[in-house]
Protein backbone atom coordinates (compact mmCIF):
# COMPACT_ATOMS: atom_id res chain seq x y z
CA MET A 1 74.15 81.78 186.60
CA GLY A 2 76.31 77.96 185.63
CA TYR A 3 76.12 76.09 183.49
CA LYS A 4 76.91 72.39 183.40
CA HIS A 5 77.44 70.20 180.65
CA ASN A 6 78.26 66.72 182.14
CA ASN A 7 79.41 64.69 178.87
CA ASN A 8 81.45 67.04 177.41
CA GLY A 9 79.99 66.38 173.60
CA LYS A 10 79.87 62.70 174.05
CA GLY A 11 77.27 61.37 171.72
CA ILE A 12 76.27 64.57 170.06
CA LYS A 13 76.94 64.16 165.88
CA GLY A 14 79.13 66.79 165.34
CA TYR A 15 81.03 67.55 168.54
CA ARG A 16 83.92 66.36 169.28
CA ASP A 17 84.93 65.28 173.55
CA LEU A 18 85.17 68.66 175.05
CA SER A 19 88.44 69.42 177.64
CA THR A 20 87.07 70.83 181.41
CA GLN A 21 88.88 74.30 180.35
CA GLU A 22 87.24 74.28 176.89
CA ILE A 23 83.50 73.80 178.73
CA ASP A 24 84.24 76.03 181.58
CA LEU A 25 85.81 78.46 178.96
CA MET A 26 82.00 78.24 176.52
CA ASN A 27 80.83 78.50 180.12
CA LYS A 28 82.45 81.77 181.02
CA CYS A 29 81.10 83.01 176.91
CA LYS A 30 77.63 81.94 177.62
CA GLU A 31 77.33 84.04 181.16
CA LEU A 32 78.99 87.33 179.48
CA ALA A 33 76.02 87.04 175.94
CA GLU A 34 73.34 86.25 178.96
CA GLU A 35 74.91 89.84 180.36
CA VAL A 36 74.87 91.58 177.51
CA GLY A 37 71.46 90.50 175.75
CA SER A 38 70.37 91.74 179.60
CA LEU A 39 71.99 95.19 178.65
CA CYS A 40 70.41 95.47 175.28
CA ASP A 41 67.26 94.24 177.10
CA GLU A 42 67.48 97.18 178.91
CA VAL A 43 68.74 100.03 175.85
CA ARG A 44 65.00 98.35 174.92
CA MET A 45 63.76 99.87 176.81
CA GLU A 46 65.33 103.57 176.31
CA PRO A 47 62.44 105.14 174.54
CA THR A 48 64.84 107.16 172.48
CA THR A 49 66.74 103.48 171.69
CA ASP A 50 66.49 102.98 167.22
CA LEU A 51 65.51 100.01 167.81
CA ARG A 52 66.20 99.36 163.37
CA TRP A 53 70.05 99.56 165.44
CA LEU A 54 69.44 97.51 168.14
CA LYS A 55 68.44 94.58 166.47
CA GLU A 56 70.91 95.27 163.90
CA ALA A 57 73.53 94.84 167.35
CA GLN A 58 72.15 92.24 169.16
CA LEU A 59 72.22 90.23 165.98
CA ASP A 60 75.54 91.08 165.22
CA LEU A 61 76.62 90.45 168.84
CA GLN A 62 74.09 87.15 168.88
CA LYS A 63 76.96 85.68 166.06
CA GLY A 64 79.38 86.96 167.15
CA PHE A 65 79.71 84.89 170.85
CA MET A 66 77.86 82.22 168.53
CA CYS A 67 81.98 82.33 166.18
CA LEU A 68 83.43 82.49 170.03
CA ILE A 69 82.04 79.11 171.19
CA ARG A 70 81.99 78.25 167.31
CA SER A 71 86.10 78.78 168.12
CA ILE A 72 86.36 76.60 171.52
CA ALA A 73 84.10 73.88 170.30
CA LYS A 74 85.34 73.48 166.55
CA PRO A 75 82.20 71.92 165.56
CA THR A 76 82.92 69.10 162.97
CA THR A 77 79.52 69.12 161.06
CA PHE A 78 78.31 72.91 159.22
């Protein structure tokens, strides 16, 4: 699944213009995040899965991917 971003952050408050390389790298991160999300869905289907730990893992993984993407985008706002 490919993401296309045509305006490189133009017109989005707090975002700078992104290079093609930065956009490609962010898209790789987002694609990997989707794969990890699918893996979490697969783990959820296992009857012996401890759902409390799965939820903790999902939250930490989502936060990690968000941080990874923000490290590339370097937004200027909170």
